[in-house]
């Protein structure tokens, strides 16, 4: 009887294997098959194009950013609970991996870059710092960037402004940021702060990337449409001046939500969970809930900086939390 038992794998693959054997005489080998393993397993270029109204968007990756053991960053619950949430969603319970989705938006009159990644720093390992390479792969000349819009002044958002040679990566761009964030993260006095442990490095990096560009920096105000179709909306807590952006074109609205939420599972299922890199964790949690609720209620599409590539989709209300529904990627050539 045991000879008649089919496992699922046998049922799926056994027939094909026997067919190959009958043709070639070699068990499991398909006729005419010559498998060649490539010497280097390169992926395709890390960019994605989409349309928003009459605007054209390109999402550029700065590479993945590993945070390590989850309970060290996502606070207010147990290590076991966080691990189970990740396991339930087929994610590694031992290492949180964030994407870095940088939006390049052609408004028709301006070419706008939203955030700039980690630059040449390897603070979070060697997988970051891919922005310039991926801009080139997408055919975007850094000299053509008219504006850099910063959601906030953390390392993975402004450290790509200045290159490793000390020269600006975007020589013709004005930089837009909230005055609150600029002043907080370039404050020399904070270089002596002992807590939190990342403060000194974050401030030093912000100073190195923002202060040399001071004459090109423009401060936007909450509610201001400071570039065509791009309106600032204060979303404080992650940093005191953290800002999201409502992008409007031909009657369509999209939200670039920056670091309102860092994780598409943990901080959606549990939106009031606190995050270790928040300047004001409790304010950040309240802001996160309000923004997510607005996006769900008004069915506004959004792009999140740290969500799975390319970070575009919708938010829906589910019980006491939310769920991310990624938009289908459109891979054919877009119409003009």
C-alpha atoms as a PDB file:
ATOM      1  CA  UNK A   1       0.000   0.000   0.000  1.00  0.00           C
ATOM      2  CA  UNK A   2       2.867   2.405   0.742  1.00  0.00           C
ATOM      3  CA  UNK A   3       3.891   2.285  -2.942  1.00  0.00           C
ATOM      4  CA  UNK A   4       0.547   3.868  -3.840  1.00  0.00           C
ATOM      5  CA  UNK A   5       0.847   6.860  -1.499  1.00  0.00           C
ATOM      6  CA  UNK A   6       1.419  10.109  -3.361  1.00  0.00           C
ATOM      7  CA  UNK A   7       2.915  13.084  -1.592  1.00  0.00           C
ATOM      8  CA  UNK A   8       1.914  16.521  -2.876  1.00  0.00           C
ATOM      9  CA  UNK A   9       5.402  16.937  -4.354  1.00  0.00           C
ATOM     10  CA  UNK A  10       5.202  13.565  -6.123  1.00  0.00           C
ATOM     11  CA  UNK A  11       1.786  14.407  -7.514  1.00  0.00           C
ATOM     12  CA  UNK A  12       2.991  17.718  -8.882  1.00  0.00           C
ATOM     13  CA  UNK A  13       6.385  16.744 -10.209  1.00  0.00           C
ATOM     14  CA  UNK A  14       6.450  12.984 -10.587  1.00  0.00           C
ATOM     15  CA  UNK A  15       4.845  12.967 -14.028  1.00  0.00           C
ATOM     16  CA  UNK A  16       7.238  15.492 -15.450  1.00  0.00           C
ATOM     17  CA  UNK A  17      10.214  13.622 -14.011  1.00  0.00           C
ATOM     18  CA  UNK A  18       9.134  10.325 -15.583  1.00  0.00           C
ATOM     19  CA  UNK A  19       8.575  12.032 -18.931  1.00  0.00           C
ATOM     20  CA  UNK A  20      12.130  13.357 -18.852  1.00  0.00           C
ATOM     21  CA  UNK A  21      13.474   9.942 -17.941  1.00  0.00           C
ATOM     22  CA  UNK A  22      11.678   8.241 -20.807  1.00  0.00           C
ATOM     23  CA  UNK A  23      13.223  10.581 -23.366  1.00  0.00           C
ATOM     24  CA  UNK A  24      16.765  10.883 -22.102  1.00  0.00           C
ATOM     25  CA  UNK A  25      17.287   7.750 -20.083  1.00  0.00           C
ATOM     26  CA  UNK A  26      18.367   9.880 -17.119  1.00  0.00           C
ATOM     27  CA  UNK A  27      15.846   9.912 -14.251  1.00  0.00           C
ATOM     28  CA  UNK A  28      14.441  13.392 -13.715  1.00  0.00           C
ATOM     29  CA  UNK A  29      16.204  15.018 -16.713  1.00  0.00           C
ATOM     30  CA  UNK A  30      14.038  16.793 -19.299  1.00  0.00           C
ATOM     31  CA  UNK A  31      14.946  16.378 -22.937  1.00  0.00           C
ATOM     32  CA  UNK A  32      16.991  19.205 -24.432  1.00  0.00           C
ATOM     33  CA  UNK A  33      17.453  21.001 -21.085  1.00  0.00           C
ATOM     34  CA  UNK A  34      20.825  22.597 -20.370  1.00  0.00           C
ATOM     35  CA  UNK A  35      20.612  24.521 -17.100  1.00  0.00           C
ATOM     36  CA  UNK A  36      23.231  27.221 -16.797  1.00  0.00           C
ATOM     37  CA  UNK A  37      23.763  28.946 -13.457  1.00  0.00           C
ATOM     38  CA  UNK A  38      24.718  32.617 -13.956  1.00  0.00           C
ATOM     39  CA  UNK A  39      27.994  33.631 -12.387  1.00  0.00           C
ATOM     40  CA  UNK A  40      26.394  36.669 -10.784  1.00  0.00           C
ATOM     41  CA  UNK A  41      22.764  36.849  -9.703  1.00  0.00           C
ATOM     42  CA  UNK A  42      22.079  40.495 -10.497  1.00  0.00           C
ATOM     43  CA  UNK A  43      18.526  41.800 -10.236  1.00  0.00           C
ATOM     44  CA  UNK A  44      16.979  44.203 -12.712  1.00  0.00           C
ATOM     45  CA  UNK A  45      17.523  47.943 -12.055  1.00  0.00           C
ATOM     46  CA  UNK A  46      15.800  49.098  -8.883  1.00  0.00           C
ATOM     47  CA  UNK A  47      13.359  51.702 -10.231  1.00  0.00           C
ATOM     48  CA  UNK A  48       9.663  51.797 -11.077  1.00  0.00           C
ATOM     49  CA  UNK A  49       7.631  54.282 -13.112  1.00  0.00           C
ATOM     50  CA  UNK A  50       3.992  55.261 -12.678  1.00  0.00           C
ATOM     51  CA  UNK A  51       1.592  58.067 -13.564  1.00  0.00           C
ATOM     52  CA  UNK A  52      -0.341  60.332 -11.235  1.00  0.00           C
ATOM     53  CA  UNK A  53      -2.752  62.525 -13.126  1.00  0.00           C
ATOM     54  CA  UNK A  54      -0.570  64.331 -15.668  1.00  0.00           C
ATOM     55  CA  UNK A  55       2.507  63.918 -13.470  1.00  0.00           C
ATOM     56  CA  UNK A  56       5.092  61.180 -13.964  1.00  0.00           C
ATOM     57  CA  UNK A  57       6.626  59.396 -10.987  1.00  0.00           C
ATOM     58  CA  UNK A  58       9.691  57.208 -10.706  1.00  0.00           C
ATOM     59  CA  UNK A  59      10.436  55.329  -7.497  1.00  0.00           C
ATOM     60  CA  UNK A  60      14.156  54.854  -6.923  1.00  0.00           C
ATOM     61  CA  UNK A  61      15.508  52.516  -4.257  1.00  0.00           C
ATOM     62  CA  UNK A  62      18.331  53.441  -1.916  1.00  0.00           C
ATOM     63  CA  UNK A  63      18.556  49.755  -1.004  1.00  0.00           C
ATOM     64  CA  UNK A  64      17.223  47.783   1.934  1.00  0.00           C
ATOM     65  CA  UNK A  65      17.785  48.978   5.489  1.00  0.00           C
ATOM     66  CA  UNK A  66      17.976  46.159   8.071  1.00  0.00           C
ATOM     67  CA  UNK A  67      16.976  47.116  11.623  1.00  0.00           C
ATOM     68  CA  UNK A  68      17.881  43.796  13.230  1.00  0.00           C
ATOM     69  CA  UNK A  69      16.039  42.194  16.144  1.00  0.00           C
ATOM     70  CA  UNK A  70      12.465  43.592  15.999  1.00  0.00           C
ATOM     71  CA  UNK A  71      11.684  44.155  19.677  1.00  0.00           C
ATOM     72  CA  UNK A  72      14.643  46.539  19.979  1.00  0.00           C
ATOM     73  CA  UNK A  73      12.898  49.000  17.640  1.00  0.00           C
ATOM     74  CA  UNK A  74       9.169  48.287  18.082  1.00  0.00           C
ATOM     75  CA  UNK A  75       8.298  48.988  21.691  1.00  0.00           C
ATOM     76  CA  UNK A  76       5.472  48.538  24.155  1.00  0.00           C
ATOM     77  CA  UNK A  77       4.871  44.851  23.547  1.00  0.00           C
ATOM     78  CA  UNK A  78       6.702  41.584  24.078  1.00  0.00           C
ATOM     79  CA  UNK A  79       9.428  40.129  21.893  1.00  0.00           C
ATOM     80  CA  UNK A  80       7.266  37.046  21.422  1.00  0.00           C
ATOM     81  CA  UNK A  81       4.258  39.050  20.265  1.00  0.00           C
ATOM     82  CA  UNK A  82       6.248  41.052  17.720  1.00  0.00           C
ATOM     83  CA  UNK A  83       7.873  37.873  16.453  1.00  0.00           C
ATOM     84  CA  UNK A  84       4.495  36.187  16.081  1.00  0.00           C
ATOM     85  CA  UNK A  85       3.071  39.135  14.139  1.00  0.00           C
ATOM     86  CA  UNK A  86       5.966  38.882  11.697  1.00  0.00           C
ATOM     87  CA  UNK A  87       5.744  35.086  11.454  1.00  0.00           C
ATOM     88  CA  UNK A  88       2.004  35.299  10.788  1.00  0.00           C
ATOM     89  CA  UNK A  89       2.786  37.494   7.788  1.00  0.00           C
ATOM     90  CA  UNK A  90       5.605  35.273   6.482  1.00  0.00           C
ATOM     91  CA  UNK A  91       8.295  37.732   7.559  1.00  0.00           C
ATOM     92  CA  UNK A  92      11.562  37.068   9.366  1.00  0.00           C
ATOM     93  CA  UNK A  93      10.859  37.275  13.126  1.00  0.00           C
ATOM     94  CA  UNK A  94      14.531  37.930  13.851  1.00  0.00           C
ATOM     95  CA  UNK A  95      15.325  40.831  11.555  1.00  0.00           C
ATOM     96  CA  UNK A  96      13.119  43.696  10.372  1.00  0.00           C
ATOM     97  CA  UNK A  97      13.965  44.758   6.821  1.00  0.00           C
ATOM     98  CA  UNK A  98      12.826  48.170   5.585  1.00  0.00           C
ATOM     99  CA  UNK A  99      12.870  49.406   2.014  1.00  0.00           C
ATOM    100  CA  UNK A 100      13.882  52.960   1.092  1.00  0.00           C
ATOM    101  CA  UNK A 101      11.531  54.200  -1.619  1.00  0.00           C
ATOM    102  CA  UNK A 102      12.688  57.545  -2.992  1.00  0.00           C
ATOM    103  CA  UNK A 103      10.126  59.302  -5.186  1.00  0.00           C
ATOM    104  CA  UNK A 104      11.216  61.347  -8.199  1.00  0.00           C
ATOM    105  CA  UNK A 105       8.245  63.353  -9.459  1.00  0.00           C
ATOM    106  CA  UNK A 106       8.035  65.203 -12.769  1.00  0.00           C
ATOM    107  CA  UNK A 107       5.313  67.777 -12.169  1.00  0.00           C
ATOM    108  CA  UNK A 108       5.545  69.146 -15.703  1.00  0.00           C
ATOM    109  CA  UNK A 109       7.474  72.205 -14.567  1.00  0.00           C
ATOM    110  CA  UNK A 110       9.769  70.774 -11.866  1.00  0.00           C
ATOM    111  CA  UNK A 111      11.684  67.553 -11.306  1.00  0.00           C
ATOM    112  CA  UNK A 112      11.295  66.875  -7.594  1.00  0.00           C
ATOM    113  CA  UNK A 113      13.178  64.347  -5.439  1.00  0.00           C
ATOM    114  CA  UNK A 114      11.540  63.265  -2.161  1.00  0.00           C
ATOM    115  CA  UNK A 115      14.303  62.381   0.357  1.00  0.00           C
ATOM    116  CA  UNK A 116      17.810  61.180  -0.497  1.00  0.00           C
ATOM    117  CA  UNK A 117      18.619  57.974   1.382  1.00  0.00           C
ATOM    118  CA  UNK A 118      21.673  57.106   3.474  1.00  0.00           C
ATOM    119  CA  UNK A 119      24.331  58.526   1.175  1.00  0.00           C
ATOM    120  CA  UNK A 120      27.761  56.921   1.593  1.00  0.00           C
ATOM    121  CA  UNK A 121      27.191  55.939   5.233  1.00  0.00           C
ATOM    122  CA  UNK A 122      27.123  52.251   6.166  1.00  0.00           C
ATOM    123  CA  UNK A 123      25.572  52.838   9.577  1.00  0.00           C
ATOM    124  CA  UNK A 124      22.936  50.207   8.746  1.00  0.00           C
ATOM    125  CA  UNK A 125      25.233  48.016   6.657  1.00  0.00           C
ATOM    126  CA  UNK A 126      26.370  47.877   3.031  1.00  0.00           C
ATOM    127  CA  UNK A 127      22.959  47.447   1.383  1.00  0.00           C
ATOM    128  CA  UNK A 128      22.008  51.145   1.576  1.00  0.00           C
ATOM    129  CA  UNK A 129      23.395  54.048  -0.464  1.00  0.00           C
ATOM    130  CA  UNK A 130      22.085  52.836  -3.831  1.00  0.00           C
ATOM    131  CA  UNK A 131      20.255  56.032  -4.867  1.00  0.00           C
ATOM    132  CA  UNK A 132      22.814  57.492  -7.269  1.00  0.00           C
ATOM    133  CA  UNK A 133      23.350  54.170  -9.031  1.00  0.00           C
ATOM    134  CA  UNK A 134      19.624  53.630  -9.446  1.00  0.00           C
ATOM    135  CA  UNK A 135      19.021  57.193 -10.650  1.00  0.00           C
ATOM    136  CA  UNK A 136      21.558  56.488 -13.394  1.00  0.00           C
ATOM    137  CA  UNK A 137      19.845  53.174 -14.220  1.00  0.00           C
ATOM    138  CA  UNK A 138      16.551  55.054 -14.561  1.00  0.00           C
ATOM    139  CA  UNK A 139      18.152  57.620 -16.882  1.00  0.00           C
ATOM    140  CA  UNK A 140      17.742  60.523 -14.452  1.00  0.00           C
ATOM    141  CA  UNK A 141      20.565  63.062 -14.371  1.00  0.00           C
ATOM    142  CA  UNK A 142      21.114  64.445 -10.832  1.00  0.00           C
ATOM    143  CA  UNK A 143      21.829  67.835 -12.409  1.00  0.00           C
ATOM    144  CA  UNK A 144      18.229  67.888 -13.679  1.00  0.00           C
ATOM    145  CA  UNK A 145      16.725  67.697 -10.181  1.00  0.00           C
ATOM    146  CA  UNK A 146      15.145  71.085  -9.409  1.00  0.00           C
ATOM    147  CA  UNK A 147      14.012  70.414  -5.855  1.00  0.00           C
ATOM    148  CA  UNK A 148      14.764  68.068  -2.954  1.00  0.00           C
ATOM    149  CA  UNK A 149      11.789  67.734  -0.618  1.00  0.00           C
ATOM    150  CA  UNK A 150      12.685  66.351   2.817  1.00  0.00           C
ATOM    151  CA  UNK A 151      10.087  64.677   5.001  1.00  0.00           C
ATOM    152  CA  UNK A 152      12.522  65.092   7.909  1.00  0.00           C
ATOM    153  CA  UNK A 153      16.242  65.247   8.682  1.00  0.00           C
ATOM    154  CA  UNK A 154      17.042  61.672   9.733  1.00  0.00           C
ATOM    155  CA  UNK A 155      20.043  59.846   8.277  1.00  0.00           C
ATOM    156  CA  UNK A 156      18.131  57.805   5.705  1.00  0.00           C
ATOM    157  CA  UNK A 157      16.409  60.886   4.318  1.00  0.00           C
ATOM    158  CA  UNK A 158      19.031  63.652   4.027  1.00  0.00           C
ATOM    159  CA  UNK A 159      22.450  61.987   4.076  1.00  0.00           C
ATOM    160  CA  UNK A 160      22.436  61.611   0.291  1.00  0.00           C
ATOM    161  CA  UNK A 161      22.470  65.369  -0.318  1.00  0.00           C
ATOM    162  CA  UNK A 162      26.281  65.598  -0.215  1.00  0.00           C
ATOM    163  CA  UNK A 163      28.515  63.018  -1.926  1.00  0.00           C
ATOM    164  CA  UNK A 164      31.463  61.209  -0.349  1.00  0.00           C
ATOM    165  CA  UNK A 165      33.758  63.739  -2.056  1.00  0.00           C
ATOM    166  CA  UNK A 166      32.081  66.631  -0.250  1.00  0.00           C
ATOM    167  CA  UNK A 167      30.377  67.848  -3.436  1.00  0.00           C
ATOM    168  CA  UNK A 168      26.565  68.204  -3.644  1.00  0.00           C
ATOM    169  CA  UNK A 169      24.976  65.287  -5.474  1.00  0.00           C
ATOM    170  CA  UNK A 170      22.294  67.578  -6.923  1.00  0.00           C
ATOM    171  CA  UNK A 171      24.068  70.776  -7.981  1.00  0.00           C
ATOM    172  CA  UNK A 172      21.000  72.689  -9.185  1.00  0.00           C
ATOM    173  CA  UNK A 173      18.429  71.727  -6.564  1.00  0.00           C
ATOM    174  CA  UNK A 174      16.768  73.849  -3.935  1.00  0.00           C
ATOM    175  CA  UNK A 175      16.084  71.983  -0.693  1.00  0.00           C
ATOM    176  CA  UNK A 176      12.719  72.142   1.074  1.00  0.00           C
ATOM    177  CA  UNK A 177      12.375  71.133   4.725  1.00  0.00           C
ATOM    178  CA  UNK A 178      10.514  72.249   7.835  1.00  0.00           C
ATOM    179  CA  UNK A 179      12.329  74.889   9.857  1.00  0.00           C
ATOM    180  CA  UNK A 180      11.615  72.932  13.040  1.00  0.00           C
ATOM    181  CA  UNK A 181      13.445  69.858  11.759  1.00  0.00           C
ATOM    182  CA  UNK A 182      16.325  71.844  10.309  1.00  0.00           C
ATOM    183  CA  UNK A 183      16.968  73.671  13.562  1.00  0.00           C
ATOM    184  CA  UNK A 184      16.574  70.581  15.752  1.00  0.00           C
ATOM    185  CA  UNK A 185      18.894  68.285  13.793  1.00  0.00           C
ATOM    186  CA  UNK A 186      21.600  70.845  13.017  1.00  0.00           C
ATOM    187  CA  UNK A 187      21.817  72.100  16.618  1.00  0.00           C
ATOM    188  CA  UNK A 188      25.484  71.826  17.616  1.00  0.00           C
ATOM    189  CA  UNK A 189      24.566  71.531  21.290  1.00  0.00           C
ATOM    190  CA  UNK A 190      22.969  68.134  20.623  1.00  0.00           C
ATOM    191  CA  UNK A 191      26.366  66.688  19.665  1.00  0.00           C
ATOM    192  CA  UNK A 192      27.016  66.312  23.378  1.00  0.00           C
ATOM    193  CA  UNK A 193      23.746  64.513  24.154  1.00  0.00           C
ATOM    194  CA  UNK A 194      24.261  61.006  25.511  1.00  0.00           C
ATOM    195  CA  UNK A 195      20.690  59.812  24.937  1.00  0.00           C
ATOM    196  CA  UNK A 196      19.321  58.532  22.722  1.00  0.00           C
ATOM    197  CA  UNK A 197      22.440  56.733  21.581  1.00  0.00           C
ATOM    198  CA  UNK A 198      21.998  57.601  17.911  1.00  0.00           C
ATOM    199  CA  UNK A 199      21.620  61.347  18.536  1.00  0.00           C
ATOM    200  CA  UNK A 200      25.241  62.417  18.049  1.00  0.00           C
ATOM    201  CA  UNK A 201      25.625  60.566  14.750  1.00  0.00           C
ATOM    202  CA  UNK A 202      22.261  61.765  13.427  1.00  0.00           C
ATOM    203  CA  UNK A 203      23.035  65.399  14.266  1.00  0.00           C
ATOM    204  CA  UNK A 204      26.559  65.234  12.857  1.00  0.00           C
ATOM    205  CA  UNK A 205      25.238  63.761   9.598  1.00  0.00           C
ATOM    206  CA  UNK A 206      22.443  66.318   9.299  1.00  0.00           C
ATOM    207  CA  UNK A 207      24.902  69.145   9.858  1.00  0.00           C
ATOM    208  CA  UNK A 208      27.280  67.734   7.236  1.00  0.00           C
ATOM    209  CA  UNK A 209      24.529  67.503   4.613  1.00  0.00           C
ATOM    210  CA  UNK A 210      22.346  70.525   5.396  1.00  0.00           C
ATOM    211  CA  UNK A 211      24.616  73.308   6.639  1.00  0.00           C
ATOM    212  CA  UNK A 212      26.768  73.476   3.479  1.00  0.00           C
ATOM    213  CA  UNK A 213      23.515  73.926   1.513  1.00  0.00           C
ATOM    214  CA  UNK A 214      21.992  76.578   3.782  1.00  0.00           C
ATOM    215  CA  UNK A 215      21.739  79.180   1.025  1.00  0.00           C
ATOM    216  CA  UNK A 216      19.623  76.755  -1.025  1.00  0.00           C
ATOM    217  CA  UNK A 217      17.257  75.721   1.767  1.00  0.00           C
ATOM    218  CA  UNK A 218      13.644  76.911   1.742  1.00  0.00           C
ATOM    219  CA  UNK A 219      11.371  76.345   4.751  1.00  0.00           C
ATOM    220  CA  UNK A 220       7.805  75.303   3.943  1.00  0.00           C
ATOM    221  CA  UNK A 221       4.871  75.890   6.265  1.00  0.00           C
ATOM    222  CA  UNK A 222       2.088  73.504   7.260  1.00  0.00           C
ATOM    223  CA  UNK A 223      -0.656  73.637   4.622  1.00  0.00           C
ATOM    224  CA  UNK A 224       1.479  75.491   2.082  1.00  0.00           C
ATOM    225  CA  UNK A 225       1.567  74.500  -1.593  1.00  0.00           C
ATOM    226  CA  UNK A 226       5.258  75.272  -1.926  1.00  0.00           C
ATOM    227  CA  UNK A 227       5.751  73.575  -5.305  1.00  0.00           C
ATOM    228  CA  UNK A 228       3.165  73.059  -8.067  1.00  0.00           C
ATOM    229  CA  UNK A 229       0.698  70.444  -6.839  1.00  0.00           C
ATOM    230  CA  UNK A 230       2.682  69.636  -3.677  1.00  0.00           C
ATOM    231  CA  UNK A 231       1.227  70.678  -0.315  1.00  0.00           C
ATOM    232  CA  UNK A 232       2.939  70.226   3.060  1.00  0.00           C
ATOM    233  CA  UNK A 233       1.025  68.633   5.933  1.00  0.00           C
ATOM    234  CA  UNK A 234       2.618  68.572   9.382  1.00  0.00           C
ATOM    235  CA  UNK A 235       2.804  65.042  10.829  1.00  0.00           C
ATOM    236  CA  UNK A 236       4.953  65.480  13.955  1.00  0.00           C
ATOM    237  CA  UNK A 237       6.204  62.879  16.391  1.00  0.00           C
ATOM    238  CA  UNK A 238       8.692  60.764  14.488  1.00  0.00           C
ATOM    239  CA  UNK A 239      10.607  64.027  14.424  1.00  0.00           C
ATOM    240  CA  UNK A 240       9.212  67.324  15.629  1.00  0.00           C
ATOM    241  CA  UNK A 241       9.057  68.682  12.084  1.00  0.00           C
ATOM    242  CA  UNK A 242       8.182  65.473  10.240  1.00  0.00           C
ATOM    243  CA  UNK A 243       6.002  66.377   7.256  1.00  0.00           C
ATOM    244  CA  UNK A 244       3.968  64.440   4.725  1.00  0.00           C
ATOM    245  CA  UNK A 245       2.953  65.737   1.312  1.00  0.00           C
ATOM    246  CA  UNK A 246      -0.330  65.751  -0.555  1.00  0.00           C
ATOM    247  CA  UNK A 247       0.319  65.588  -4.294  1.00  0.00           C
ATOM    248  CA  UNK A 248      -2.499  66.728  -6.599  1.00  0.00           C
ATOM    249  CA  UNK A 249      -2.750  66.488 -10.374  1.00  0.00           C
ATOM    250  CA  UNK A 250      -5.819  66.591 -12.632  1.00  0.00           C
ATOM    251  CA  UNK A 251      -8.145  66.103  -9.679  1.00  0.00           C
ATOM    252  CA  UNK A 252      -6.220  63.103  -8.345  1.00  0.00           C
ATOM    253  CA  UNK A 253      -4.623  63.135  -4.880  1.00  0.00           C
ATOM    254  CA  UNK A 254      -1.757  60.991  -3.600  1.00  0.00           C
ATOM    255  CA  UNK A 255       0.029  61.155  -0.247  1.00  0.00           C
ATOM    256  CA  UNK A 256       3.770  60.758   0.254  1.00  0.00           C
ATOM    257  CA  UNK A 257       3.753  59.751   3.919  1.00  0.00           C
ATOM    258  CA  UNK A 258       7.479  59.474   4.667  1.00  0.00           C
ATOM    259  CA  UNK A 259       8.040  57.826   8.039  1.00  0.00           C
ATOM    260  CA  UNK A 260       4.493  58.127   9.366  1.00  0.00           C
ATOM    261  CA  UNK A 261       4.731  54.358   9.688  1.00  0.00           C
ATOM    262  CA  UNK A 262       7.906  52.332   9.260  1.00  0.00           C
ATOM    263  CA  UNK A 263       6.393  48.903   8.867  1.00  0.00           C
ATOM    264  CA  UNK A 264       3.487  47.649   6.779  1.00  0.00           C
ATOM    265  CA  UNK A 265       2.477  45.057   9.393  1.00  0.00           C
ATOM    266  CA  UNK A 266       3.670  45.982  12.886  1.00  0.00           C
ATOM    267  CA  UNK A 267       2.669  49.654  12.863  1.00  0.00           C
ATOM    268  CA  UNK A 268      -0.527  49.071  10.916  1.00  0.00           C
ATOM    269  CA  UNK A 269      -1.946  46.183  12.908  1.00  0.00           C
ATOM    270  CA  UNK A 270      -0.815  48.004  16.069  1.00  0.00           C
ATOM    271  CA  UNK A 271      -0.743  51.698  15.064  1.00  0.00           C
ATOM    272  CA  UNK A 272      -0.244  52.907  18.645  1.00  0.00           C
ATOM    273  CA  UNK A 273       2.866  50.772  19.118  1.00  0.00           C
ATOM    274  CA  UNK A 274       5.912  52.959  19.763  1.00  0.00           C
ATOM    275  CA  UNK A 275       9.040  53.075  17.612  1.00  0.00           C
ATOM    276  CA  UNK A 276      12.537  53.484  19.068  1.00  0.00           C
ATOM    277  CA  UNK A 277      13.676  56.169  16.615  1.00  0.00           C
ATOM    278  CA  UNK A 278      10.727  58.502  17.275  1.00  0.00           C
ATOM    279  CA  UNK A 279      11.617  61.809  18.913  1.00  0.00           C
ATOM    280  CA  UNK A 280       8.213  61.815  20.648  1.00  0.00           C
ATOM    281  CA  UNK A 281       6.871  58.231  20.471  1.00  0.00           C
ATOM    282  CA  UNK A 282       3.443  58.997  21.929  1.00  0.00           C
ATOM    283  CA  UNK A 283       2.833  61.954  19.616  1.00  0.00           C
ATOM    284  CA  UNK A 284       4.092  59.884  16.687  1.00  0.00           C
ATOM    285  CA  UNK A 285       1.619  57.098  17.481  1.00  0.00           C
ATOM    286  CA  UNK A 286      -1.297  59.546  17.608  1.00  0.00           C
ATOM    287  CA  UNK A 287      -0.197  61.194  14.361  1.00  0.00           C
ATOM    288  CA  UNK A 288       0.185  57.801  12.705  1.00  0.00           C
ATOM    289  CA  UNK A 289      -3.342  56.793  13.643  1.00  0.00           C
ATOM    290  CA  UNK A 290      -4.828  60.067  12.383  1.00  0.00           C
ATOM    291  CA  UNK A 291      -2.983  59.943   9.051  1.00  0.00           C
ATOM    292  CA  UNK A 292      -3.785  56.291   8.421  1.00  0.00           C
ATOM    293  CA  UNK A 293      -7.427  56.868   9.331  1.00  0.00           C
ATOM    294  CA  UNK A 294      -7.612  59.801   6.895  1.00  0.00           C
ATOM    295  CA  UNK A 295      -6.064  57.754   4.079  1.00  0.00           C
ATOM    296  CA  UNK A 296      -8.439  54.846   4.725  1.00  0.00           C
ATOM    297  CA  UNK A 297     -11.550  56.974   5.118  1.00  0.00           C
ATOM    298  CA  UNK A 298     -10.898  59.104   2.025  1.00  0.00           C
ATOM    299  CA  UNK A 299      -9.414  56.223   0.001  1.00  0.00           C
ATOM    300  CA  UNK A 300      -6.333  58.255  -0.878  1.00  0.00           C
ATOM    301  CA  UNK A 301      -3.502  56.300  -2.530  1.00  0.00           C
ATOM    302  CA  UNK A 302      -0.125  56.727  -0.890  1.00  0.00           C
ATOM    303  CA  UNK A 303       3.559  55.965  -1.140  1.00  0.00           C
ATOM    304  CA  UNK A 304       5.403  55.019   2.052  1.00  0.00           C
ATOM    305  CA  UNK A 305       9.164  55.397   2.304  1.00  0.00           C
ATOM    306  CA  UNK A 306       9.810  52.118   4.136  1.00  0.00           C
ATOM    307  CA  UNK A 307       7.059  49.819   2.840  1.00  0.00           C
ATOM    308  CA  UNK A 308       7.738  46.848   0.534  1.00  0.00           C
ATOM    309  CA  UNK A 309       8.990  47.962  -2.863  1.00  0.00           C
ATOM    310  CA  UNK A 310       7.840  50.236  -4.472  1.00  0.00           C
ATOM    311  CA  UNK A 311       5.687  51.302  -1.508  1.00  0.00           C
ATOM    312  CA  UNK A 312       2.594  52.408  -3.442  1.00  0.00           C
ATOM    313  CA  UNK A 313      -0.910  51.333  -2.445  1.00  0.00           C
ATOM    314  CA  UNK A 314      -3.906  51.946  -0.214  1.00  0.00           C
ATOM    315  CA  UNK A 315      -4.634  51.759   3.500  1.00  0.00           C
ATOM    316  CA  UNK A 316      -7.834  50.154   4.798  1.00  0.00           C
ATOM    317  CA  UNK A 317      -9.285  50.142   8.308  1.00  0.00           C
ATOM    318  CA  UNK A 318      -9.398  46.672   9.875  1.00  0.00           C
ATOM    319  CA  UNK A 319     -10.670  46.397  13.456  1.00  0.00           C
ATOM    320  CA  UNK A 320      -8.556  48.579  15.716  1.00  0.00           C
ATOM    321  CA  UNK A 321      -5.802  48.775  13.141  1.00  0.00           C
ATOM    322  CA  UNK A 322      -5.157  49.017   9.422  1.00  0.00           C
ATOM    323  CA  UNK A 323      -4.012  46.954   6.464  1.00  0.00           C
ATOM    324  CA  UNK A 324      -1.825  47.848   3.499  1.00  0.00           C
ATOM    325  CA  UNK A 325      -3.027  46.884   0.034  1.00  0.00           C
ATOM    326  CA  UNK A 326      -0.174  47.296  -2.455  1.00  0.00           C
ATOM    327  CA  UNK A 327      -1.083  48.634  -5.877  1.00  0.00           C
ATOM    328  CA  UNK A 328      -0.504  46.327  -8.805  1.00  0.00           C
ATOM    329  CA  UNK A 329       2.735  47.176 -10.589  1.00  0.00           C
ATOM    330  CA  UNK A 330       2.183  48.270 -14.191  1.00  0.00           C
ATOM    331  CA  UNK A 331       5.219  47.035 -16.110  1.00  0.00           C
ATOM    332  CA  UNK A 332       4.324  47.906 -19.680  1.00  0.00           C
ATOM    333  CA  UNK A 333       5.441  51.185 -21.269  1.00  0.00           C
ATOM    334  CA  UNK A 334       3.313  54.050 -19.994  1.00  0.00           C
ATOM    335  CA  UNK A 335       1.499  56.338 -22.457  1.00  0.00           C
ATOM    336  CA  UNK A 336       2.806  59.867 -22.859  1.00  0.00           C
END
